[in-house]
Amino acid sequence: MCICGQVAYNLRSCIYTLQGAAPTTACCSALNSTVTQATTSADLQGLCTCLTVADISISGFNKVVGLAADTAADQCEVTIPFKISPDTNCTSYVFLNIGGKK
């Protein structure tokens, strides 16, 4: 699922939260969609890597997107299941589908 350039593109509307703006409906929708599309452990680990590592693509743009996603998550009422930080070990996150529910 996780192609970092696509994640950055999807969450571009969240960038303005870094300047103190409230997240837009588009930002919240994109953030929720991006997080809920991580339906396997590999997806979750990939998303984690995309949002926490600065040097993966677009000259560090993903780090900015990760910070924006982290800033917007509370206001959008979206739970990001890992800490967005360069110190996060993304390989430790696994997707648990308990009772067949997403």
PDB file of N, CA and C in Angstrom:
ATOM      1  N   MET A   1       0.825  -1.192   0.000  1.00  0.00           N
ATOM      2  CA  MET A   1       0.000   0.000   0.000  1.00  0.00           C
ATOM      3  C   MET A   1       0.866   1.252   0.000  1.00  0.00           C
ATOM      4  N   CYS A   2       1.920   1.245   0.795  1.00  0.00           N
ATOM      5  CA  CYS A   2       2.599   2.507   1.078  1.00  0.00           C
ATOM      6  C   CYS A   2       3.676   2.843   0.054  1.00  0.00           C
ATOM      7  N   ILE A   3       3.384   3.800  -0.745  1.00  0.00           N
ATOM      8  CA  ILE A   3       4.374   4.416  -1.614  1.00  0.00           C
ATOM      9  C   ILE A   3       4.510   5.835  -1.075  1.00  0.00           C
ATOM     10  N   CYS A   4       5.695   6.136  -0.573  1.00  0.00           N
ATOM     11  CA  CYS A   4       5.867   7.387   0.173  1.00  0.00           C
ATOM     12  C   CYS A   4       5.482   8.630  -0.622  1.00  0.00           C
ATOM     13  N   GLY A   5       5.795   8.664  -1.893  1.00  0.00           N
ATOM     14  CA  GLY A   5       5.404   9.813  -2.705  1.00  0.00           C
ATOM     15  C   GLY A   5       3.893   9.981  -2.744  1.00  0.00           C
ATOM     16  N   GLN A   6       3.171   8.858  -2.793  1.00  0.00           N
ATOM     17  CA  GLN A   6       1.703   8.906  -2.811  1.00  0.00           C
ATOM     18  C   GLN A   6       1.164   9.382  -1.463  1.00  0.00           C
ATOM     19  N   VAL A   7       1.777   8.921  -0.384  1.00  0.00           N
ATOM     20  CA  VAL A   7       1.358   9.364   0.951  1.00  0.00           C
ATOM     21  C   VAL A   7       1.551  10.877   1.072  1.00  0.00           C
ATOM     22  N   ALA A   8       2.720  11.345   0.653  1.00  0.00           N
ATOM     23  CA  ALA A   8       3.001  12.787   0.715  1.00  0.00           C
ATOM     24  C   ALA A   8       1.994  13.565  -0.124  1.00  0.00           C
ATOM     25  N   TYR A   9       1.688  13.066  -1.311  1.00  0.00           N
ATOM     26  CA  TYR A   9       0.723  13.731  -2.189  1.00  0.00           C
ATOM     27  C   TYR A   9      -0.666  13.762  -1.536  1.00  0.00           C
ATOM     28  N   ASN A  10      -1.083  12.622  -0.977  1.00  0.00           N
ATOM     29  CA  ASN A  10      -2.411  12.532  -0.359  1.00  0.00           C
ATOM     30  C   ASN A  10      -2.562  13.483   0.823  1.00  0.00           C
ATOM     31  N   LEU A  11      -1.478  13.664   1.575  1.00  0.00           N
ATOM     32  CA  LEU A  11      -1.559  14.468   2.797  1.00  0.00           C
ATOM     33  C   LEU A  11      -1.092  15.906   2.612  1.00  0.00           C
ATOM     34  N   ARG A  12      -0.901  16.331   1.392  1.00  0.00           N
ATOM     35  CA  ARG A  12      -0.399  17.685   1.131  1.00  0.00           C
ATOM     36  C   ARG A  12      -1.303  18.769   1.707  1.00  0.00           C
ATOM     37  N   SER A  13      -2.607  18.494   1.793  1.00  0.00           N
ATOM     38  CA  SER A  13      -3.537  19.502   2.323  1.00  0.00           C
ATOM     39  C   SER A  13      -3.372  19.709   3.825  1.00  0.00           C
ATOM     40  N   CYS A  14      -2.590  18.876   4.471  1.00  0.00           N
ATOM     41  CA  CYS A  14      -2.368  19.012   5.918  1.00  0.00           C
ATOM     42  C   CYS A  14      -1.187  19.916   6.241  1.00  0.00           C
ATOM     43  N   ILE A  15      -0.421  20.309   5.266  1.00  0.00           N
ATOM     44  CA  ILE A  15       0.800  21.089   5.488  1.00  0.00           C
ATOM     45  C   ILE A  15       0.512  22.383   6.254  1.00  0.00           C
ATOM     46  N   TYR A  16      -0.611  23.003   5.985  1.00  0.00           N
ATOM     47  CA  TYR A  16      -0.905  24.301   6.599  1.00  0.00           C
ATOM     48  C   TYR A  16      -1.103  24.224   8.110  1.00  0.00           C
ATOM     49  N   THR A  17      -1.314  23.004   8.640  1.00  0.00           N
ATOM     50  CA  THR A  17      -1.452  22.874  10.091  1.00  0.00           C
ATOM     51  C   THR A  17      -0.138  23.225  10.789  1.00  0.00           C
ATOM     52  N   LEU A  18       0.980  23.122  10.076  1.00  0.00           N
ATOM     53  CA  LEU A  18       2.272  23.466  10.668  1.00  0.00           C
ATOM     54  C   LEU A  18       2.407  24.968  10.883  1.00  0.00           C
ATOM     55  N   GLN A  19       1.556  25.741  10.214  1.00  0.00           N
ATOM     56  CA  GLN A  19       1.566  27.192  10.387  1.00  0.00           C
ATOM     57  C   GLN A  19       0.476  27.635  11.359  1.00  0.00           C
ATOM     58  N   GLY A  20      -0.133  26.679  12.044  1.00  0.00           N
ATOM     59  CA  GLY A  20      -1.136  27.004  13.049  1.00  0.00           C
ATOM     60  C   GLY A  20      -2.567  26.960  12.554  1.00  0.00           C
ATOM     61  N   ALA A  21      -2.778  26.671  11.281  1.00  0.00           N
ATOM     62  CA  ALA A  21      -4.141  26.601  10.745  1.00  0.00           C
ATOM     63  C   ALA A  21      -4.821  25.313  11.213  1.00  0.00           C
ATOM     64  N   ALA A  22      -6.110  25.380  11.377  1.00  0.00           N
ATOM     65  CA  ALA A  22      -6.880  24.176  11.684  1.00  0.00           C
ATOM     66  C   ALA A  22      -6.884  23.277  10.456  1.00  0.00           C
ATOM     67  N   PRO A  23      -6.871  21.969  10.653  1.00  0.00           N
ATOM     68  CA  PRO A  23      -6.905  21.080   9.488  1.00  0.00           C
ATOM     69  C   PRO A  23      -8.215  21.219   8.731  1.00  0.00           C
ATOM     70  N   THR A  24      -8.124  21.183   7.427  1.00  0.00           N
ATOM     71  CA  THR A  24      -9.307  21.269   6.579  1.00  0.00           C
ATOM     72  C   THR A  24     -10.017  19.918   6.530  1.00  0.00           C
ATOM     73  N   THR A  25     -11.231  19.922   6.032  1.00  0.00           N
ATOM     74  CA  THR A  25     -11.962  18.670   5.830  1.00  0.00           C
ATOM     75  C   THR A  25     -11.180  17.756   4.897  1.00  0.00           C
ATOM     76  N   ALA A  26     -10.563  18.326   3.872  1.00  0.00           N
ATOM     77  CA  ALA A  26      -9.764  17.529   2.935  1.00  0.00           C
ATOM     78  C   ALA A  26      -8.579  16.871   3.635  1.00  0.00           C
ATOM     79  N   CYS A  27      -7.930  17.608   4.522  1.00  0.00           N
ATOM     80  CA  CYS A  27      -6.810  17.068   5.285  1.00  0.00           C
ATOM     81  C   CYS A  27      -7.284  15.901   6.155  1.00  0.00           C
ATOM     82  N   CYS A  28      -8.335  16.101   6.911  1.00  0.00           N
ATOM     83  CA  CYS A  28      -8.840  15.062   7.804  1.00  0.00           C
ATOM     84  C   CYS A  28      -9.281  13.821   7.031  1.00  0.00           C
ATOM     85  N   SER A  29      -9.948  14.030   5.935  1.00  0.00           N
ATOM     86  CA  SER A  29     -10.396  12.918   5.102  1.00  0.00           C
ATOM     87  C   SER A  29      -9.201  12.140   4.552  1.00  0.00           C
ATOM     88  N   ALA A  30      -8.204  12.859   4.056  1.00  0.00           N
ATOM     89  CA  ALA A  30      -7.008  12.210   3.501  1.00  0.00           C
ATOM     90  C   ALA A  30      -6.231  11.463   4.582  1.00  0.00           C
ATOM     91  N   LEU A  31      -6.126  12.058   5.745  1.00  0.00           N
ATOM     92  CA  LEU A  31      -5.410  11.427   6.846  1.00  0.00           C
ATOM     93  C   LEU A  31      -6.127  10.152   7.287  1.00  0.00           C
ATOM     94  N   ASN A  32      -7.440  10.236   7.466  1.00  0.00           N
ATOM     95  CA  ASN A  32      -8.213   9.066   7.853  1.00  0.00           C
ATOM     96  C   ASN A  32      -8.100   7.966   6.801  1.00  0.00           C
ATOM     97  N   SER A  33      -8.236   8.328   5.545  1.00  0.00           N
ATOM     98  CA  SER A  33      -8.153   7.353   4.461  1.00  0.00           C
ATOM     99  C   SER A  33      -6.779   6.694   4.409  1.00  0.00           C
ATOM    100  N   THR A  34      -5.740   7.490   4.558  1.00  0.00           N
ATOM    101  CA  THR A  34      -4.374   6.965   4.494  1.00  0.00           C
ATOM    102  C   THR A  34      -4.119   5.983   5.629  1.00  0.00           C
ATOM    103  N   VAL A  35      -4.545   6.329   6.823  1.00  0.00           N
ATOM    104  CA  VAL A  35      -4.320   5.455   7.980  1.00  0.00           C
ATOM    105  C   VAL A  35      -5.163   4.182   7.874  1.00  0.00           C
ATOM    106  N   THR A  36      -6.424   4.300   7.472  1.00  0.00           N
ATOM    107  CA  THR A  36      -7.286   3.118   7.424  1.00  0.00           C
ATOM    108  C   THR A  36      -6.948   2.189   6.265  1.00  0.00           C
ATOM    109  N   GLN A  37      -6.209   2.676   5.270  1.00  0.00           N
ATOM    110  CA  GLN A  37      -5.785   1.806   4.174  1.00  0.00           C
ATOM    111  C   GLN A  37      -4.635   0.889   4.564  1.00  0.00           C
ATOM    112  N   ALA A  38      -4.023   1.137   5.713  1.00  0.00           N
ATOM    113  CA  ALA A  38      -2.957   0.268   6.198  1.00  0.00           C
ATOM    114  C   ALA A  38      -3.601  -0.956   6.840  1.00  0.00           C
ATOM    115  N   THR A  39      -3.854  -1.995   6.036  1.00  0.00           N
ATOM    116  CA  THR A  39      -4.624  -3.145   6.499  1.00  0.00           C
ATOM    117  C   THR A  39      -3.778  -4.394   6.732  1.00  0.00           C
ATOM    118  N   THR A  40      -2.465  -4.275   6.607  1.00  0.00           N
ATOM    119  CA  THR A  40      -1.567  -5.391   6.912  1.00  0.00           C
ATOM    120  C   THR A  40      -0.391  -4.836   7.706  1.00  0.00           C
ATOM    121  N   SER A  41       0.364  -5.718   8.302  1.00  0.00           N
ATOM    122  CA  SER A  41       1.549  -5.275   9.039  1.00  0.00           C
ATOM    123  C   SER A  41       2.523  -4.567   8.106  1.00  0.00           C
ATOM    124  N   ALA A  42       2.693  -5.090   6.901  1.00  0.00           N
ATOM    125  CA  ALA A  42       3.597  -4.456   5.929  1.00  0.00           C
ATOM    126  C   ALA A  42       3.119  -3.056   5.570  1.00  0.00           C
ATOM    127  N   ASP A  43       1.808  -2.888   5.410  1.00  0.00           N
ATOM    128  CA  ASP A  43       1.244  -1.568   5.122  1.00  0.00           C
ATOM    129  C   ASP A  43       1.527  -0.599   6.270  1.00  0.00           C
ATOM    130  N   LEU A  44       1.270  -1.050   7.489  1.00  0.00           N
ATOM    131  CA  LEU A  44       1.454  -0.200   8.663  1.00  0.00           C
ATOM    132  C   LEU A  44       2.921   0.194   8.823  1.00  0.00           C
ATOM    133  N   GLN A  45       3.815  -0.768   8.631  1.00  0.00           N
ATOM    134  CA  GLN A  45       5.243  -0.475   8.730  1.00  0.00           C
ATOM    135  C   GLN A  45       5.682   0.474   7.622  1.00  0.00           C
ATOM    136  N   GLY A  46       5.136   0.299   6.434  1.00  0.00           N
ATOM    137  CA  GLY A  46       5.462   1.192   5.323  1.00  0.00           C
ATOM    138  C   GLY A  46       4.975   2.609   5.576  1.00  0.00           C
ATOM    139  N   LEU A  47       3.748   2.730   6.067  1.00  0.00           N
ATOM    140  CA  LEU A  47       3.203   4.050   6.381  1.00  0.00           C
ATOM    141  C   LEU A  47       4.034   4.707   7.474  1.00  0.00           C
ATOM    142  N   CYS A  48       4.392   3.943   8.475  1.00  0.00           N
ATOM    143  CA  CYS A  48       5.229   4.454   9.552  1.00  0.00           C
ATOM    144  C   CYS A  48       6.543   4.988   8.992  1.00  0.00           C
ATOM    145  N   THR A  49       7.170   4.217   8.133  1.00  0.00           N
ATOM    146  CA  THR A  49       8.435   4.642   7.532  1.00  0.00           C
ATOM    147  C   THR A  49       8.247   5.919   6.723  1.00  0.00           C
ATOM    148  N   CYS A  50       7.182   5.980   5.956  1.00  0.00           N
ATOM    149  CA  CYS A  50       6.928   7.164   5.130  1.00  0.00           C
ATOM    150  C   CYS A  50       6.773   8.429   5.972  1.00  0.00           C
ATOM    151  N   LEU A  51       6.131   8.305   7.114  1.00  0.00           N
ATOM    152  CA  LEU A  51       5.839   9.484   7.919  1.00  0.00           C
ATOM    153  C   LEU A  51       6.919   9.827   8.941  1.00  0.00           C
ATOM    154  N   THR A  52       7.864   8.923   9.160  1.00  0.00           N
ATOM    155  CA  THR A  52       8.861   9.191  10.195  1.00  0.00           C
ATOM    156  C   THR A  52      10.269   9.413   9.685  1.00  0.00           C
ATOM    157  N   VAL A  53      10.556   9.013   8.461  1.00  0.00           N
ATOM    158  CA  VAL A  53      11.923   9.128   7.937  1.00  0.00           C
ATOM    159  C   VAL A  53      12.021  10.346   7.031  1.00  0.00           C
ATOM    160  N   ALA A  54      13.020  11.177   7.262  1.00  0.00           N
ATOM    161  CA  ALA A  54      13.136  12.443   6.542  1.00  0.00           C
ATOM    162  C   ALA A  54      13.667  12.303   5.130  1.00  0.00           C
ATOM    163  N   ASP A  55      14.504  11.352   4.869  1.00  0.00           N
ATOM    164  CA  ASP A  55      15.259  11.351   3.616  1.00  0.00           C
ATOM    165  C   ASP A  55      14.756  10.381   2.562  1.00  0.00           C
ATOM    166  N   ILE A  56      13.489  10.035   2.570  1.00  0.00           N
ATOM    167  CA  ILE A  56      13.051   9.029   1.619  1.00  0.00           C
ATOM    168  C   ILE A  56      12.698   9.563   0.240  1.00  0.00           C
ATOM    169  N   SER A  57      12.114  10.692   0.171  1.00  0.00           N
ATOM    170  CA  SER A  57      11.739  11.198  -1.150  1.00  0.00           C
ATOM    171  C   SER A  57      11.480  12.690  -1.077  1.00  0.00           C
ATOM    172  N   ILE A  58      11.464  13.286  -2.227  1.00  0.00           N
ATOM    173  CA  ILE A  58      11.088  14.680  -2.386  1.00  0.00           C
ATOM    174  C   ILE A  58      11.848  15.578  -1.404  1.00  0.00           C
ATOM    175  N   SER A  59      13.135  15.362  -1.293  1.00  0.00           N
ATOM    176  CA  SER A  59      14.018  16.222  -0.489  1.00  0.00           C
ATOM    177  C   SER A  59      13.522  16.466   0.932  1.00  0.00           C
ATOM    178  N   GLY A  60      13.126  15.413   1.604  1.00  0.00           N
ATOM    179  CA  GLY A  60      12.690  15.548   2.987  1.00  0.00           C
ATOM    180  C   GLY A  60      11.250  15.997   3.153  1.00  0.00           C
ATOM    181  N   PHE A  61      10.517  16.119   2.064  1.00  0.00           N
ATOM    182  CA  PHE A  61       9.127  16.565   2.141  1.00  0.00           C
ATOM    183  C   PHE A  61       8.300  15.627   3.016  1.00  0.00           C
ATOM    184  N   ASN A  62       8.635  14.341   3.002  1.00  0.00           N
ATOM    185  CA  ASN A  62       7.872  13.385   3.807  1.00  0.00           C
ATOM    186  C   ASN A  62       7.965  13.696   5.289  1.00  0.00           C
ATOM    187  N   LYS A  63       9.102  14.211   5.762  1.00  0.00           N
ATOM    188  CA  LYS A  63       9.208  14.575   7.176  1.00  0.00           C
ATOM    189  C   LYS A  63       8.221  15.694   7.490  1.00  0.00           C
ATOM    190  N   VAL A  64       8.105  16.649   6.604  1.00  0.00           N
ATOM    191  CA  VAL A  64       7.155  17.750   6.791  1.00  0.00           C
ATOM    192  C   VAL A  64       5.732  17.201   6.805  1.00  0.00           C
ATOM    193  N   VAL A  65       5.435  16.285   5.896  1.00  0.00           N
ATOM    194  CA  VAL A  65       4.099  15.679   5.840  1.00  0.00           C
ATOM    195  C   VAL A  65       3.833  14.894   7.119  1.00  0.00           C
ATOM    196  N   GLY A  66       4.837  14.175   7.607  1.00  0.00           N
ATOM    197  CA  GLY A  66       4.679  13.434   8.857  1.00  0.00           C
ATOM    198  C   GLY A  66       4.372  14.346  10.032  1.00  0.00           C
ATOM    199  N   LEU A  67       5.094  15.440  10.117  1.00  0.00           N
ATOM    200  CA  LEU A  67       4.836  16.414  11.187  1.00  0.00           C
ATOM    201  C   LEU A  67       3.440  17.012  11.058  1.00  0.00           C
ATOM    202  N   ALA A  68       3.032  17.301   9.823  1.00  0.00           N
ATOM    203  CA  ALA A  68       1.693  17.852   9.593  1.00  0.00           C
ATOM    204  C   ALA A  68       0.622  16.835   9.978  1.00  0.00           C
ATOM    205  N   ALA A  69       0.826  15.577   9.617  1.00  0.00           N
ATOM    206  CA  ALA A  69      -0.131  14.531   9.968  1.00  0.00           C
ATOM    207  C   ALA A  69      -0.236  14.399  11.484  1.00  0.00           C
ATOM    208  N   ASP A  70       0.899  14.438  12.148  1.00  0.00           N
ATOM    209  CA  ASP A  70       0.920  14.345  13.605  1.00  0.00           C
ATOM    210  C   ASP A  70       0.173  15.522  14.232  1.00  0.00           C
ATOM    211  N   THR A  71       0.378  16.714  13.699  1.00  0.00           N
ATOM    212  CA  THR A  71      -0.288  17.919  14.191  1.00  0.00           C
ATOM    213  C   THR A  71      -1.800  17.844  13.974  1.00  0.00           C
ATOM    214  N   ALA A  72      -2.217  17.339  12.827  1.00  0.00           N
ATOM    215  CA  ALA A  72      -3.640  17.311  12.474  1.00  0.00           C
ATOM    216  C   ALA A  72      -4.407  16.160  13.113  1.00  0.00           C
ATOM    217  N   ALA A  73      -3.735  15.093  13.503  1.00  0.00           N
ATOM    218  CA  ALA A  73      -4.414  13.869  13.946  1.00  0.00           C
ATOM    219  C   ALA A  73      -5.422  14.102  15.064  1.00  0.00           C
ATOM    220  N   ASP A  74      -5.039  14.808  16.106  1.00  0.00           N
ATOM    221  CA  ASP A  74      -5.966  15.036  17.225  1.00  0.00           C
ATOM    222  C   ASP A  74      -7.199  15.813  16.803  1.00  0.00           C
ATOM    223  N   GLN A  75      -6.992  16.893  16.059  1.00  0.00           N
ATOM    224  CA  GLN A  75      -8.122  17.716  15.632  1.00  0.00           C
ATOM    225  C   GLN A  75      -9.010  16.985  14.640  1.00  0.00           C
ATOM    226  N   CYS A  76      -8.419  16.076  13.874  1.00  0.00           N
ATOM    227  CA  CYS A  76      -9.194  15.299  12.900  1.00  0.00           C
ATOM    228  C   CYS A  76      -9.821  14.057  13.536  1.00  0.00           C
ATOM    229  N   GLU A  77      -9.478  13.802  14.802  1.00  0.00           N
ATOM    230  CA  GLU A  77      -9.931  12.610  15.507  1.00  0.00           C
ATOM    231  C   GLU A  77      -9.524  11.339  14.769  1.00  0.00           C
ATOM    232  N   VAL A  78      -8.271  11.327  14.311  1.00  0.00           N
ATOM    233  CA  VAL A  78      -7.687  10.176  13.630  1.00  0.00           C
ATOM    234  C   VAL A  78      -6.564   9.650  14.514  1.00  0.00           C
ATOM    235  N   THR A  79      -6.594   8.366  14.781  1.00  0.00           N
ATOM    236  CA  THR A  79      -5.541   7.751  15.575  1.00  0.00           C
ATOM    237  C   THR A  79      -4.458   7.217  14.658  1.00  0.00           C
ATOM    238  N   ILE A  80      -3.274   7.750  14.799  1.00  0.00           N
ATOM    239  CA  ILE A  80      -2.113   7.222  14.085  1.00  0.00           C
ATOM    240  C   ILE A  80      -1.452   6.251  15.059  1.00  0.00           C
ATOM    241  N   PRO A  81      -1.364   4.965  14.701  1.00  0.00           N
ATOM    242  CA  PRO A  81      -0.977   3.949  15.678  1.00  0.00           C
ATOM    243  C   PRO A  81       0.523   3.839  15.970  1.00  0.00           C
ATOM    244  N   PHE A  82       1.250   4.907  15.760  1.00  0.00           N
ATOM    245  CA  PHE A  82       2.673   4.935  16.069  1.00  0.00           C
ATOM    246  C   PHE A  82       3.075   6.383  16.288  1.00  0.00           C
ATOM    247  N   LYS A  83       4.174   6.563  16.988  1.00  0.00           N
ATOM    248  CA  LYS A  83       4.683   7.905  17.228  1.00  0.00           C
ATOM    249  C   LYS A  83       5.441   8.368  15.988  1.00  0.00           C
ATOM    250  N   ILE A  84       5.135   9.565  15.513  1.00  0.00           N
ATOM    251  CA  ILE A  84       5.841  10.109  14.355  1.00  0.00           C
ATOM    252  C   ILE A  84       7.104  10.788  14.870  1.00  0.00           C
ATOM    253  N   SER A  85       8.184  10.049  14.763  1.00  0.00           N
ATOM    254  CA  SER A  85       9.475  10.505  15.271  1.00  0.00           C
ATOM    255  C   SER A  85      10.576   9.749  14.538  1.00  0.00           C
ATOM    256  N   PRO A  86      11.711  10.387  14.291  1.00  0.00           N
ATOM    257  CA  PRO A  86      12.829   9.675  13.658  1.00  0.00           C
ATOM    258  C   PRO A  86      13.324   8.504  14.507  1.00  0.00           C
ATOM    259  N   ASP A  87      12.989   8.491  15.789  1.00  0.00           N
ATOM    260  CA  ASP A  87      13.426   7.416  16.680  1.00  0.00           C
ATOM    261  C   ASP A  87      12.477   6.219  16.689  1.00  0.00           C
ATOM    262  N   THR A  88      11.355   6.317  16.000  1.00  0.00           N
ATOM    263  CA  THR A  88      10.383   5.229  15.978  1.00  0.00           C
ATOM    264  C   THR A  88      10.924   4.051  15.191  1.00  0.00           C
ATOM    265  N   ASN A  89      10.810   2.861  15.763  1.00  0.00           N
ATOM    266  CA  ASN A  89      11.203   1.626  15.090  1.00  0.00           C
ATOM    267  C   ASN A  89       9.972   1.080  14.374  1.00  0.00           C
ATOM    268  N   CYS A  90       9.856   1.383  13.118  1.00  0.00           N
ATOM    269  CA  CYS A  90       8.646   1.026  12.365  1.00  0.00           C
ATOM    270  C   CYS A  90       8.467  -0.481  12.191  1.00  0.00           C
ATOM    271  N   THR A  91       9.535  -1.247  12.300  1.00  0.00           N
ATOM    272  CA  THR A  91       9.402  -2.695  12.125  1.00  0.00           C
ATOM    273  C   THR A  91       8.699  -3.355  13.304  1.00  0.00           C
ATOM    274  N   SER A  92       8.504  -2.624  14.388  1.00  0.00           N
ATOM    275  CA  SER A  92       7.860  -3.214  15.568  1.00  0.00           C
ATOM    276  C   SER A  92       6.333  -3.115  15.519  1.00  0.00           C
ATOM    277  N   TYR A  93       5.782  -2.458  14.518  1.00  0.00           N
ATOM    278  CA  TYR A  93       4.328  -2.285  14.457  1.00  0.00           C
ATOM    279  C   TYR A  93       3.697  -3.366  13.606  1.00  0.00           C
ATOM    280  N   VAL A  94       2.640  -3.982  14.152  1.00  0.00           N
ATOM    281  CA  VAL A  94       1.918  -5.022  13.423  1.00  0.00           C
ATOM    282  C   VAL A  94       0.446  -4.660  13.398  1.00  0.00           C
ATOM    283  N   PHE A  95      -0.207  -5.066  12.338  1.00  0.00           N
ATOM    284  CA  PHE A  95      -1.636  -4.824  12.190  1.00  0.00           C
ATOM    285  C   PHE A  95      -2.390  -5.962  12.866  1.00  0.00           C
ATOM    286  N   LEU A  96      -3.305  -5.640  13.758  1.00  0.00           N
ATOM    287  CA  LEU A  96      -4.120  -6.640  14.416  1.00  0.00           C
ATOM    288  C   LEU A  96      -5.563  -6.448  13.956  1.00  0.00           C
ATOM    289  N   ASN A  97      -6.113  -7.472  13.336  1.00  0.00           N
ATOM    290  CA  ASN A  97      -7.493  -7.433  12.892  1.00  0.00           C
ATOM    291  C   ASN A  97      -8.280  -8.376  13.803  1.00  0.00           C
ATOM    292  N   ILE A  98      -8.729  -7.855  14.915  1.00  0.00           N
ATOM    293  CA  ILE A  98      -9.397  -8.666  15.910  1.00  0.00           C
ATOM    294  C   ILE A  98     -10.881  -8.800  15.569  1.00  0.00           C
ATOM    295  N   GLY A  99     -11.325 -10.012  15.479  1.00  0.00           N
ATOM    296  CA  GLY A  99     -12.742 -10.264  15.216  1.00  0.00           C
ATOM    297  C   GLY A  99     -13.145  -9.938  13.786  1.00  0.00           C
ATOM    298  N   GLY A 100     -12.191  -9.810  12.885  1.00  0.00           N
ATOM    299  CA  GLY A 100     -12.500  -9.558  11.487  1.00  0.00           C
ATOM    300  C   GLY A 100     -12.947  -8.148  11.186  1.00  0.00           C
ATOM    301  N   LYS A 101     -12.867  -7.238  12.161  1.00  0.00           N
ATOM    302  CA  LYS A 101     -13.283  -5.866  11.947  1.00  0.00           C
ATOM    303  C   LYS A 101     -12.078  -5.015  11.597  1.00  0.00           C
ATOM    304  N   LYS A 102     -12.313  -4.019  10.783  1.00  0.00           N
ATOM    305  CA  LYS A 102     -11.250  -3.074  10.437  1.00  0.00           C
ATOM    306  C   LYS A 102     -11.350  -1.875  11.316  1.00  0.00           C
TER     307      LYS A 102
END
